[in-house]
C-alpha atoms as a PDB file:
ATOM      1  CA  MET A   1     114.962-152.076 -91.082  1.00  0.00           C
ATOM      2  CA  ARG A   2     117.592-149.487 -91.661  1.00  0.00           C
ATOM      3  CA  LEU A   3     115.258-146.977 -93.659  1.00  0.00           C
ATOM      4  CA  LEU A   4     112.476-147.748 -91.168  1.00  0.00           C
ATOM      5  CA  ILE A   5     114.972-146.452 -88.105  1.00  0.00           C
ATOM      6  CA  LEU A   6     116.045-143.298 -89.770  1.00  0.00           C
ATOM      7  CA  SER A   7     112.348-142.535 -91.112  1.00  0.00           C
ATOM      8  CA  ILE A   8     110.830-142.727 -87.740  1.00  0.00           C
ATOM      9  CA  ALA A   9     113.571-140.889 -85.786  1.00  0.00           C
ATOM     10  CA  PHE A  10     113.382-137.980 -88.465  1.00  0.00           C
ATOM     11  CA  THR A  11     109.773-138.132 -89.510  1.00  0.00           C
ATOM     12  CA  THR A  12     108.757-137.973 -85.865  1.00  0.00           C
ATOM     13  CA  LEU A  13     110.854-135.023 -85.266  1.00  0.00           C
ATOM     14  CA  ALA A  14     109.821-133.036 -88.598  1.00  0.00           C
ATOM     15  CA  ALA A  15     106.229-133.653 -87.082  1.00  0.00           C
ATOM     16  CA  CYS A  16     106.946-132.011 -83.831  1.00  0.00           C
ATOM     17  CA  GLY A  17     109.374-129.346 -84.578  1.00  0.00           C
ATOM     18  CA  GLY A  18     108.714-126.101 -86.421  1.00  0.00           C
ATOM     19  CA  THR A  19     111.847-124.383 -85.943  1.00  0.00           C
ATOM     20  CA  PRO A  20     113.620-123.181 -89.057  1.00  0.00           C
ATOM     21  CA  GLY A  21     116.937-124.964 -89.613  1.00  0.00           C
ATOM     22  CA  ALA A  22     116.283-127.479 -86.630  1.00  0.00           C
ATOM     23  CA  GLN A  23     115.550-130.455 -88.910  1.00  0.00           C
ATOM     24  CA  PRO A  24     118.360-133.060 -88.379  1.00  0.00           C
ATOM     25  CA  HIS A  25     120.331-133.139 -91.706  1.00  0.00           C
ATOM     26  CA  ASP A  26     119.922-129.196 -91.611  1.00  0.00           C
ATOM     27  CA  MET A  27     123.345-129.145 -89.693  1.00  0.00           C
ATOM     28  CA  SER A  28     125.730-131.282 -87.368  1.00  0.00           C
ATOM     29  CA  ALA A  29     124.926-132.550 -84.257  1.00  0.00           C
ATOM     30  CA  ALA A  30     127.266-130.315 -82.676  1.00  0.00           C
ATOM     31  CA  SER A  31     125.816-127.251 -84.378  1.00  0.00           C
ATOM     32  CA  HIS A  32     122.462-128.101 -83.337  1.00  0.00           C
ATOM     33  CA  GLU A  33     123.560-128.270 -79.778  1.00  0.00           C
ATOM     34  CA  ALA A  34     125.427-124.896 -80.273  1.00  0.00           C
ATOM     35  CA  ALA A  35     122.236-123.266 -81.597  1.00  0.00           C
ATOM     36  CA  ALA A  36     120.344-124.829 -78.450  1.00  0.00           C
ATOM     37  CA  THR A  37     122.574-123.213 -76.278  1.00  0.00           C
ATOM     38  CA  GLU A  38     122.202-119.922 -78.056  1.00  0.00           C
ATOM     39  CA  HIS A  39     118.603-119.867 -77.979  1.00  0.00           C
ATOM     40  CA  GLU A  40     118.617-120.835 -74.349  1.00  0.00           C
ATOM     41  CA  ARG A  41     120.698-117.896 -73.562  1.00  0.00           C
ATOM     42  CA  THR A  42     118.263-115.614 -75.395  1.00  0.00           C
ATOM     43  CA  ALA A  43     115.276-117.087 -73.771  1.00  0.00           C
ATOM     44  CA  GLN A  44     116.928-116.698 -70.579  1.00  0.00           C
ATOM     45  CA  ALA A  45     117.731-112.975 -71.191  1.00  0.00           C
ATOM     46  CA  HIS A  46     113.984-112.320 -71.985  1.00  0.00           C
ATOM     47  CA  ALA A  47     112.751-114.311 -69.289  1.00  0.00           C
ATOM     48  CA  ALA A  48     114.938-111.512 -67.100  1.00  0.00           C
ATOM     49  CA  GLN A  49     113.516-108.910 -68.440  1.00  0.00           C
ATOM     50  CA  TYR A  50     109.820-110.070 -67.673  1.00  0.00           C
ATOM     51  CA  ASP A  51     107.840-108.912 -64.769  1.00  0.00           C
ATOM     52  CA  PRO A  52     104.730-110.806 -64.102  1.00  0.00           C
ATOM     53  CA  ASN A  53     103.359-107.791 -61.809  1.00  0.00           C
ATOM     54  CA  ALA A  54     104.155-104.876 -64.214  1.00  0.00           C
ATOM     55  CA  SER A  55     101.222-103.137 -65.576  1.00  0.00           C
ATOM     56  CA  THR A  56      99.887-100.084 -67.289  1.00  0.00           C
ATOM     57  CA  GLU A  57      96.343 -98.510 -67.653  1.00  0.00           C
ATOM     58  CA  ARG A  58      95.551 -97.065 -70.797  1.00  0.00           C
ATOM     59  CA  SER A  59      91.917 -96.127 -72.318  1.00  0.00           C
ATOM     60  CA  ASP A  60      90.400 -97.648 -75.214  1.00  0.00           C
ATOM     61  CA  CYS A  61      88.478 -94.432 -76.078  1.00  0.00           C
ATOM     62  CA  LEU A  62      88.223 -93.450 -80.049  1.00  0.00           C
ATOM     63  CA  PRO A  63      87.295 -89.828 -80.628  1.00  0.00           C
ATOM     64  CA  ARG A  64      85.730 -89.060 -83.822  1.00  0.00           C
ATOM     65  CA  GLY A  65      86.110 -85.370 -85.274  1.00  0.00           C
ATOM     66  CA  GLY A  66      88.221 -84.076 -82.285  1.00  0.00           C
ATOM     67  CA  ALA A  67      85.800 -85.191 -79.665  1.00  0.00           C
ATOM     68  CA  HIS A  68      84.266 -88.278 -77.965  1.00  0.00           C
ATOM     69  CA  GLU A  69      81.232 -89.809 -79.620  1.00  0.00           C
ATOM     70  CA  GLU A  70      78.427 -89.339 -77.604  1.00  0.00           C
ATOM     71  CA  GLY A  71      77.006 -92.712 -76.310  1.00  0.00           C
ATOM     72  CA  ALA A  72      80.265 -94.415 -76.596  1.00  0.00           C
ATOM     73  CA  ALA A  73      82.028 -95.886 -73.481  1.00  0.00           C
ATOM     74  CA  CYS A  74      85.862 -95.132 -72.776  1.00  0.00           C
ATOM     75  CA  TRP A  75      87.070 -98.633 -71.469  1.00  0.00           C
ATOM     76  CA  SER A  76      90.088 -98.599 -69.399  1.00  0.00           C
ATOM     77  CA  SER A  77      92.590-101.477 -69.877  1.00  0.00           C
ATOM     78  CA  VAL A  78      95.478-103.026 -67.665  1.00  0.00           C
ATOM     79  CA  ARG A  79      98.218-104.402 -69.707  1.00  0.00           C
ATOM     80  CA  ASN A  80     101.759-106.044 -68.925  1.00  0.00           C
ATOM     81  CA  PRO A  81     104.438-103.822 -70.782  1.00  0.00           C
ATOM     82  CA  THR A  82     106.876-106.829 -70.421  1.00  0.00           C
ATOM     83  CA  ALA A  83     104.460-109.431 -71.870  1.00  0.00           C
ATOM     84  CA  ALA A  84     106.554-109.569 -75.038  1.00  0.00           C
ATOM     85  CA  HIS A  85     109.581-110.620 -73.249  1.00  0.00           C
ATOM     86  CA  SER A  86     107.656-113.695 -71.905  1.00  0.00           C
ATOM     87  CA  GLU A  87     106.666-114.688 -75.251  1.00  0.00           C
ATOM     88  CA  GLU A  88     110.054-114.426 -76.744  1.00  0.00           C
ATOM     89  CA  ALA A  89     111.429-116.417 -73.821  1.00  0.00           C
ATOM     90  CA  ASP A  90     108.864-119.123 -74.530  1.00  0.00           C
ATOM     91  CA  LYS A  91     109.608-119.259 -78.379  1.00  0.00           C
ATOM     92  CA  HIS A  92     113.316-119.251 -77.874  1.00  0.00           C
ATOM     93  CA  HIS A  93     112.989-122.037 -75.299  1.00  0.00           C
ATOM     94  CA  LYS A  94     111.077-123.819 -77.890  1.00  0.00           C
ATOM     95  CA  MET A  95     113.581-123.331 -80.395  1.00  0.00           C
ATOM     96  CA  ALA A  96     116.469-124.840 -78.223  1.00  0.00           C
ATOM     97  CA  VAL A  97     114.162-128.122 -77.600  1.00  0.00           C
ATOM     98  CA  ASP A  98     113.722-128.859 -81.340  1.00  0.00           C
ATOM     99  CA  HIS A  99     117.556-128.093 -81.912  1.00  0.00           C
ATOM    100  CA  ARG A 100     118.524-130.515 -79.183  1.00  0.00           C
ATOM    101  CA  ALA A 101     115.853-133.218 -80.485  1.00  0.00           C
ATOM    102  CA  ALA A 102     117.522-132.829 -84.034  1.00  0.00           C
ATOM    103  CA  SER A 103     120.895-133.435 -82.375  1.00  0.00           C
ATOM    104  CA  GLN A 104     119.570-136.225 -80.512  1.00  0.00           C
ATOM    105  CA  ALA A 105     117.755-137.681 -83.277  1.00  0.00           C
ATOM    106  CA  LEU A 106     120.918-137.752 -85.331  1.00  0.00           C
ATOM    107  CA  ARG A 107     123.162-139.255 -82.527  1.00  0.00           C
ATOM    108  CA  ASP A 108     120.412-142.051 -81.911  1.00  0.00           C
ATOM    109  CA  ALA A 109     120.461-142.931 -85.685  1.00  0.00           C
ATOM    110  CA  GLU A 110     124.153-143.513 -85.640  1.00  0.00           C
ATOM    111  CA  ALA A 111     124.102-145.416 -82.330  1.00  0.00           C
ATOM    112  CA  LYS A 112     121.537-147.745 -84.137  1.00  0.00           C
ATOM    113  CA  MET A 113     123.238-147.882 -87.432  1.00  0.00           C
ATOM    114  CA  CYS A 114     126.783-148.696 -86.236  1.00  0.00           C
ATOM    115  CA  VAL A 115     126.026-151.436 -83.472  1.00  0.00           C
ATOM    116  CA  GLY A 116     128.420-154.300 -84.297  1.00  0.00           C
ATOM    117  CA  ILE A 117     130.579-152.304 -86.688  1.00  0.00           C
ATOM    118  CA  SER A 118     134.245-152.182 -85.634  1.00  0.00           C
ATOM    119  CA  GLU A 119     135.979-148.759 -84.698  1.00  0.00           C
ATOM    120  CA  ALA A 120     138.492-149.166 -87.541  1.00  0.00           C
ATOM    121  CA  ASP A 121     135.388-149.617 -89.862  1.00  0.00           C
ATOM    122  CA  ARG A 122     133.468-146.678 -88.497  1.00  0.00           C
ATOM    123  CA  GLU A 123     136.765-144.436 -89.051  1.00  0.00           C
ATOM    124  CA  MET A 124     137.854-145.360 -92.195  1.00  0.00           C
ATOM    125  CA  SER A 125     135.323-145.112 -95.396  1.00  0.00           C
ATOM    126  CA  PRO A 126     134.991-148.507 -97.162  1.00  0.00           C
ATOM    127  CA  PHE A 127     135.500-146.420-100.358  1.00  0.00           C
ATOM    128  CA  GLU A 128     139.037-145.799 -99.412  1.00  0.00           C
ATOM    129  CA  HIS A 129     139.902-149.471 -99.802  1.00  0.00           C
ATOM    130  CA  ARG A 130     140.700-148.524-103.474  1.00  0.00           C
ATOM    131  CA  GLU A 131     142.518-151.576-104.054  1.00  0.00           C
ATOM    132  CA  ASP A 132     139.373-153.616-103.680  1.00  0.00           C
ATOM    133  CA  ILE A 133     137.125-151.549-106.294  1.00  0.00           C
ATOM    134  CA  ALA A 134     136.759-153.117-109.329  1.00  0.00           C
ATOM    135  CA  SER A 135     134.778-150.630-111.173  1.00  0.00           C
ATOM    136  CA  VAL A 136     133.189-147.111-111.027  1.00  0.00           C
ATOM    137  CA  GLU A 137     130.181-146.368-113.387  1.00  0.00           C
ATOM    138  CA  PRO A 138     127.588-143.692-113.748  1.00  0.00           C
ATOM    139  CA  LEU A 139     124.236-144.460-112.387  1.00  0.00           C
ATOM    140  CA  ASN A 140     121.552-143.772-114.754  1.00  0.00           C
ATOM    141  CA  VAL A 141     117.756-143.896-114.631  1.00  0.00           C
ATOM    142  CA  ASN A 142     115.145-143.807-117.757  1.00  0.00           C
ATOM    143  CA  VAL A 143     113.258-140.692-117.722  1.00  0.00           C
ATOM    144  CA  SER A 144     110.308-140.083-120.009  1.00  0.00           C
ATOM    145  CA  SER A 145     108.405-136.777-120.803  1.00  0.00           C
ATOM    146  CA  ALA A 146     106.155-135.605-123.463  1.00  0.00           C
ATOM    147  CA  LYS A 147     108.443-133.344-124.971  1.00  0.00           C
ATOM    148  CA  THR A 148     111.889-135.693-125.288  1.00  0.00           C
ATOM    149  CA  GLY A 149     110.342-139.063-125.067  1.00  0.00           C
ATOM    150  CA  GLY A 150     112.715-141.196-123.097  1.00  0.00           C
ATOM    151  CA  ASN A 151     116.201-140.345-122.070  1.00  0.00           C
ATOM    152  CA  ALA A 152     118.873-141.473-119.374  1.00  0.00           C
ATOM    153  CA  ARG A 153     119.443-139.470-116.228  1.00  0.00           C
ATOM    154  CA  THR A 154     122.418-139.554-114.036  1.00  0.00           C
ATOM    155  CA  VAL A 155     121.485-139.805-110.589  1.00  0.00           C
ATOM    156  CA  GLY A 156     124.832-141.149-109.186  1.00  0.00           C
ATOM    157  CA  ALA A 157     127.020-143.802-109.432  1.00  0.00           C
ATOM    158  CA  THR A 158     127.506-147.458-108.727  1.00  0.00           C
ATOM    159  CA  VAL A 159     130.622-148.715-107.109  1.00  0.00           C
ATOM    160  CA  THR A 160     131.461-152.461-107.600  1.00  0.00           C
ATOM    161  CA  PHE A 161     133.831-153.964-104.877  1.00  0.00           C
ATOM    162  CA  ARG A 162     135.697-157.331-105.597  1.00  0.00           C
ATOM    163  CA  ALA A 163     134.597-159.982-103.421  1.00  0.00           C
ATOM    164  CA  VAL A 164     137.045-160.386-100.175  1.00  0.00           C
ATOM    165  CA  PRO A 165     137.186-162.939 -97.620  1.00  0.00           C
ATOM    166  CA  GLY A 166     134.354-162.172 -95.016  1.00  0.00           C
ATOM    167  CA  MET A 167     132.727-159.717 -96.939  1.00  0.00           C
ATOM    168  CA  THR A 168     128.894-160.267 -97.606  1.00  0.00           C
ATOM    169  CA  ALA A 169     126.142-157.972 -98.687  1.00  0.00           C
ATOM    170  CA  GLN A 170     124.656-157.605 -95.562  1.00  0.00           C
ATOM    171  CA  TRP A 171     127.789-156.845 -93.889  1.00  0.00           C
ATOM    172  CA  LEU A 172     128.853-154.258 -96.310  1.00  0.00           C
ATOM    173  CA  GLN A 173     125.337-152.413 -96.089  1.00  0.00           C
ATOM    174  CA  ARG A 174     125.919-152.091 -92.557  1.00  0.00           C
ATOM    175  CA  VAL A 175     128.891-150.323 -92.922  1.00  0.00           C
ATOM    176  CA  VAL A 176     127.572-148.304 -95.689  1.00  0.00           C
ATOM    177  CA  ASP A 177     124.530-147.423 -93.371  1.00  0.00           C
ATOM    178  CA  CYS A 178     127.066-146.549 -90.393  1.00  0.00           C
ATOM    179  CA  HIS A 179     128.848-144.135 -92.344  1.00  0.00           C
ATOM    180  CA  LEU A 180     125.732-142.357 -93.791  1.00  0.00           C
ATOM    181  CA  ALA A 181     124.479-141.752 -90.150  1.00  0.00           C
ATOM    182  CA  ARG A 182     127.833-140.648 -88.807  1.00  0.00           C
ATOM    183  CA  ASN A 183     128.042-138.363 -91.879  1.00  0.00           C
ATOM    184  CA  ALA A 184     124.801-136.941 -90.821  1.00  0.00           C
ATOM    185  CA  VAL A 185     126.215-136.258 -87.052  1.00  0.00           C
ATOM    186  CA  LEU A 186     129.109-134.515 -88.561  1.00  0.00           C
ATOM    187  CA  GLY A 187     126.990-132.198 -90.738  1.00  0.00           C
ATOM    188  CA  HIS A 188     127.889-134.007 -93.883  1.00  0.00           C
ATOM    189  CA  VAL A 189     131.238-132.033 -93.789  1.00  0.00           C
ATOM    190  CA  VAL A 190     133.984-134.624 -93.504  1.00  0.00           C
ATOM    191  CA  PRO A 191     137.348-132.914 -94.999  1.00  0.00           C
ATOM    192  CA  GLU A 192     139.409-136.002 -94.173  1.00  0.00           C
ATOM    193  CA  MET A 193     137.262-138.204 -96.653  1.00  0.00           C
ATOM    194  CA  PRO A 194     137.011-136.087 -99.841  1.00  0.00           C
ATOM    195  CA  SER A 195     136.887-138.932-102.109  1.00  0.00           C
ATOM    196  CA  CYS A 196     133.919-140.855-100.141  1.00  0.00           C
ATOM    197  CA  PRO A 197     130.676-140.582-101.969  1.00  0.00           C
ATOM    198  CA  LEU A 198     128.474-141.112 -98.778  1.00  0.00           C
ATOM    199  CA  VAL A 199     129.455-137.747 -97.396  1.00  0.00           C
ATOM    200  CA  PRO A 200     127.193-135.273 -99.316  1.00  0.00           C
ATOM    201  CA  ASN A 201     123.771-134.518 -97.841  1.00  0.00           C
ATOM    202  CA  GLY A 202     120.898-136.707 -99.379  1.00  0.00           C
ATOM    203  CA  VAL A 203     122.966-139.805-100.514  1.00  0.00           C
ATOM    204  CA  THR A 204     121.180-143.089-100.437  1.00  0.00           C
ATOM    205  CA  ALA A 205     123.124-146.521-100.973  1.00  0.00           C
ATOM    206  CA  THR A 206     121.881-149.926-101.523  1.00  0.00           C
ATOM    207  CA  VAL A 207     124.368-152.962-101.821  1.00  0.00           C
ATOM    208  CA  THR A 208     123.609-155.806-103.944  1.00  0.00           C
ATOM    209  CA  PRO A 209     125.593-158.979-104.552  1.00  0.00           C
ATOM    210  CA  THR A 210     127.111-159.405-108.185  1.00  0.00           C
ATOM    211  CA  SER A 211     128.673-162.725-109.905  1.00  0.00           C
ATOM    212  CA  ASP A 212     132.286-161.531-108.442  1.00  0.00           C
ATOM    213  CA  GLY A 213     131.546-158.942-105.992  1.00  0.00           C
ATOM    214  CA  PHE A 214     129.092-156.360-104.612  1.00  0.00           C
ATOM    215  CA  ALA A 215     127.606-153.401-106.010  1.00  0.00           C
ATOM    216  CA  VAL A 216     126.842-150.368-104.169  1.00  0.00           C
ATOM    217  CA  ALA A 217     124.215-147.973-105.841  1.00  0.00           C
ATOM    218  CA  LEU A 218     124.915-144.371-104.482  1.00  0.00           C
ATOM    219  CA  ARG A 219     122.091-141.870-105.951  1.00  0.00           C
ATOM    220  CA  SER A 220     120.501-138.676-105.174  1.00  0.00           C
ATOM    221  CA  ASP A 221     117.370-137.106-106.851  1.00  0.00           C
ATOM    222  CA  ASP A 222     118.906-133.942-106.350  1.00  0.00           C
ATOM    223  CA  THR A 223     121.087-133.055-109.379  1.00  0.00           C
ATOM    224  CA  LYS A 224     124.126-131.389-107.870  1.00  0.00           C
ATOM    225  CA  THR A 225     124.419-134.113-105.052  1.00  0.00           C
ATOM    226  CA  ALA A 226     124.174-136.640-107.860  1.00  0.00           C
ATOM    227  CA  GLN A 227     127.079-135.032-109.757  1.00  0.00           C
ATOM    228  CA  GLU A 228     129.055-134.652-106.489  1.00  0.00           C
ATOM    229  CA  ILE A 229     128.365-138.581-105.710  1.00  0.00           C
ATOM    230  CA  LEU A 230     129.758-139.427-109.444  1.00  0.00           C
ATOM    231  CA  ARG A 231     132.862-136.894-109.294  1.00  0.00           C
ATOM    232  CA  ARG A 232     133.837-138.556-105.686  1.00  0.00           C
ATOM    233  CA  ALA A 233     133.150-141.981-107.122  1.00  0.00           C
ATOM    234  CA  GLN A 234     135.361-141.499-110.335  1.00  0.00           C
ATOM    235  CA  SER A 235     138.100-139.955-108.328  1.00  0.00           C
ATOM    236  CA  LEU A 236     138.377-143.464-106.331  1.00  0.00           C
ATOM    237  CA  SER A 237     139.556-145.038-109.538  1.00  0.00           C
ATOM    238  CA  HIS A 238     142.337-142.436-110.554  1.00  0.00           C
END
């Protein structure tokens, strides 16, 4: 359900928006809103320069050899010299709409993911509870190729929490999902959480129960993001 909610929100937006930089994870919700405001200002400036009654007349007569070709008509056409401003106004208005939709998608996802999560658990990353972390290990997957055969590739990290009273896999998953959505709203820039592996853009996290606790598998298919996940996770055990 959590993945379905995010997928519907972001896939729907991707299908209707074509503005570069206006996909939800391209920037924070606040930055999307600022971009929307700027595009609206630009749209209004162009709209102010558009005069629907303006017109100019010109002849579409193409002379050959310095003289008009016999038998060819020199048509006259009337055009609005300010029409380009109307087109620019429409373009920037659409960009503003796309950025606002991206911001709303991020905020809607956070609202859905964080329902029932306490303010304290929203504000503090679960990974800040270092005393309850039992282990941190690289998350490796097997990759096969014709040249090298099979080898392991690091795609992130697995952080295992000790079982504490009241914790369940379902509850921890909800907290993790809330933080993923919250970090997206913040544009994946959360300086107050320098060690939280949920902050980088493109992280997925899955919680599974273990014999004596709960393992959180954090991964990304992007190599640099995977390295950042592992770096942050390993700093938790220092």
